[in-house]
Amino acid sequence: MSNPKTTAATTTFFIFSNSLAGIFSRINKIIPAILENQIIITLIPVVVVAALIGGHIGSRKLSQENVRKIIGIILISIGLLLIFY
């Protein structure tokens, strides 16, 4: 069985990459709306900083058991969102 922190880091990387791809895809589709409403562009640095802080806290401050529980909750939440939305 792999280390929960390694699993969390790998999962976080793929979720983060997928989220960025989604943001850029949406930006390309709605350029006129972005020019009027800068909120998506403003949120990109916030998301990057939050991901870095979360990665630091998760790797250094949380126990493996807590990381495992948090990742489980996140993955179940994402699954439910995909099913119902």
C-alpha atoms as a PDB file:
ATOM      1  CA  MET A   1       0.000   0.000   0.000  1.00  0.00           C
ATOM      2  CA  SER A   2       1.339   3.426  -0.882  1.00  0.00           C
ATOM      3  CA  ASN A   3       1.999   6.259   1.508  1.00  0.00           C
ATOM      4  CA  PRO A   4      -1.164   8.412   1.967  1.00  0.00           C
ATOM      5  CA  LYS A   5       0.845  11.620   1.572  1.00  0.00           C
ATOM      6  CA  THR A   6       2.240  10.424  -1.767  1.00  0.00           C
ATOM      7  CA  THR A   7      -1.265   9.489  -2.868  1.00  0.00           C
ATOM      8  CA  ALA A   8      -2.587  12.876  -1.739  1.00  0.00           C
ATOM      9  CA  ALA A   9       0.177  14.753  -3.551  1.00  0.00           C
ATOM     10  CA  THR A  10      -0.388  12.797  -6.756  1.00  0.00           C
ATOM     11  CA  THR A  11      -4.158  13.220  -6.577  1.00  0.00           C
ATOM     12  CA  THR A  12      -3.834  16.921  -5.835  1.00  0.00           C
ATOM     13  CA  PHE A  13      -1.508  17.401  -8.807  1.00  0.00           C
ATOM     14  CA  PHE A  14      -3.955  15.765 -11.211  1.00  0.00           C
ATOM     15  CA  ILE A  15      -6.978  17.600  -9.787  1.00  0.00           C
ATOM     16  CA  PHE A  16      -5.094  20.907  -9.962  1.00  0.00           C
ATOM     17  CA  SER A  17      -3.976  20.233 -13.560  1.00  0.00           C
ATOM     18  CA  ASN A  18      -7.498  19.274 -14.583  1.00  0.00           C
ATOM     19  CA  SER A  19      -8.913  22.389 -12.918  1.00  0.00           C
ATOM     20  CA  LEU A  20      -6.457  24.652 -14.727  1.00  0.00           C
ATOM     21  CA  ALA A  21      -7.303  22.991 -18.042  1.00  0.00           C
ATOM     22  CA  GLY A  22     -10.997  23.582 -17.341  1.00  0.00           C
ATOM     23  CA  ILE A  23     -10.395  27.214 -16.460  1.00  0.00           C
ATOM     24  CA  PHE A  24      -8.395  27.840 -19.632  1.00  0.00           C
ATOM     25  CA  SER A  25     -10.975  26.017 -21.745  1.00  0.00           C
ATOM     26  CA  ARG A  26     -13.755  28.150 -20.307  1.00  0.00           C
ATOM     27  CA  ILE A  27     -11.677  31.290 -20.816  1.00  0.00           C
ATOM     28  CA  ASN A  28     -11.263  30.468 -24.508  1.00  0.00           C
ATOM     29  CA  LYS A  29     -15.024  29.992 -24.891  1.00  0.00           C
ATOM     30  CA  ILE A  30     -16.094  33.168 -23.120  1.00  0.00           C
ATOM     31  CA  ILE A  31     -13.405  35.735 -23.914  1.00  0.00           C
ATOM     32  CA  PRO A  32     -15.955  38.579 -24.352  1.00  0.00           C
ATOM     33  CA  ALA A  33     -17.452  37.866 -20.935  1.00  0.00           C
ATOM     34  CA  ILE A  34     -14.002  37.797 -19.347  1.00  0.00           C
ATOM     35  CA  LEU A  35     -13.154  41.174 -20.783  1.00  0.00           C
ATOM     36  CA  GLU A  36     -16.249  42.512 -19.049  1.00  0.00           C
ATOM     37  CA  ASN A  37     -15.848  40.467 -15.874  1.00  0.00           C
ATOM     38  CA  GLN A  38     -12.296  39.896 -14.632  1.00  0.00           C
ATOM     39  CA  ILE A  39     -13.235  37.560 -11.766  1.00  0.00           C
ATOM     40  CA  ILE A  40     -11.923  34.338 -13.363  1.00  0.00           C
ATOM     41  CA  ILE A  41      -8.549  35.890 -14.132  1.00  0.00           C
ATOM     42  CA  THR A  42      -8.424  37.306 -10.607  1.00  0.00           C
ATOM     43  CA  LEU A  43      -9.141  33.896  -9.087  1.00  0.00           C
ATOM     44  CA  ILE A  44      -6.325  32.041 -10.887  1.00  0.00           C
ATOM     45  CA  PRO A  45      -3.524  33.380  -8.623  1.00  0.00           C
ATOM     46  CA  VAL A  46      -5.723  32.810  -5.564  1.00  0.00           C
ATOM     47  CA  VAL A  47      -6.237  29.166  -6.545  1.00  0.00           C
ATOM     48  CA  VAL A  48      -2.506  28.681  -7.169  1.00  0.00           C
ATOM     49  CA  VAL A  49      -1.575  30.161  -3.780  1.00  0.00           C
ATOM     50  CA  ALA A  50      -4.260  28.098  -2.017  1.00  0.00           C
ATOM     51  CA  ALA A  51      -2.965  24.922  -3.696  1.00  0.00           C
ATOM     52  CA  LEU A  52       0.598  25.677  -2.583  1.00  0.00           C
ATOM     53  CA  ILE A  53      -0.448  26.432   0.994  1.00  0.00           C
ATOM     54  CA  GLY A  54      -2.658  23.341   1.126  1.00  0.00           C
ATOM     55  CA  GLY A  55       0.153  21.187  -0.229  1.00  0.00           C
ATOM     56  CA  HIS A  56       2.550  22.539   2.385  1.00  0.00           C
ATOM     57  CA  ILE A  57       0.129  22.023   5.264  1.00  0.00           C
ATOM     58  CA  GLY A  58      -0.886  18.584   4.023  1.00  0.00           C
ATOM     59  CA  SER A  59       2.668  17.355   3.637  1.00  0.00           C
ATOM     60  CA  ARG A  60       4.141  18.749   6.842  1.00  0.00           C
ATOM     61  CA  LYS A  61       1.427  19.389   9.410  1.00  0.00           C
ATOM     62  CA  LEU A  62      -1.190  16.635   9.008  1.00  0.00           C
ATOM     63  CA  SER A  63      -0.859  12.999  10.001  1.00  0.00           C
ATOM     64  CA  GLN A  64      -1.176  10.307   7.345  1.00  0.00           C
ATOM     65  CA  GLU A  65      -4.534   9.234   8.760  1.00  0.00           C
ATOM     66  CA  ASN A  66      -5.943  12.772   8.531  1.00  0.00           C
ATOM     67  CA  VAL A  67      -4.626  13.166   4.978  1.00  0.00           C
ATOM     68  CA  ARG A  68      -6.302   9.875   4.040  1.00  0.00           C
ATOM     69  CA  LYS A  69      -9.636  11.035   5.493  1.00  0.00           C
ATOM     70  CA  ILE A  70      -9.477  14.445   3.805  1.00  0.00           C
ATOM     71  CA  ILE A  71      -8.632  12.942   0.404  1.00  0.00           C
ATOM     72  CA  GLY A  72     -11.477  10.452   0.837  1.00  0.00           C
ATOM     73  CA  ILE A  73     -13.951  13.233   1.580  1.00  0.00           C
ATOM     74  CA  ILE A  74     -12.717  15.287  -1.378  1.00  0.00           C
ATOM     75  CA  LEU A  75     -12.937  12.366  -3.810  1.00  0.00           C
ATOM     76  CA  ILE A  76     -16.424  11.389  -2.634  1.00  0.00           C
ATOM     77  CA  SER A  77     -17.545  15.029  -2.952  1.00  0.00           C
ATOM     78  CA  ILE A  78     -16.148  15.269  -6.479  1.00  0.00           C
ATOM     79  CA  GLY A  79     -17.844  11.994  -7.398  1.00  0.00           C
ATOM     80  CA  LEU A  80     -21.188  13.239  -6.097  1.00  0.00           C
ATOM     81  CA  LEU A  81     -20.804  16.504  -7.997  1.00  0.00           C
ATOM     82  CA  LEU A  82     -20.087  14.588 -11.195  1.00  0.00           C
ATOM     83  CA  ILE A  83     -23.132  12.380 -10.680  1.00  0.00           C
ATOM     84  CA  PHE A  84     -25.649  15.071  -9.738  1.00  0.00           C
ATOM     85  CA  TYR A  85     -24.428  18.105 -11.695  1.00  0.00           C
END
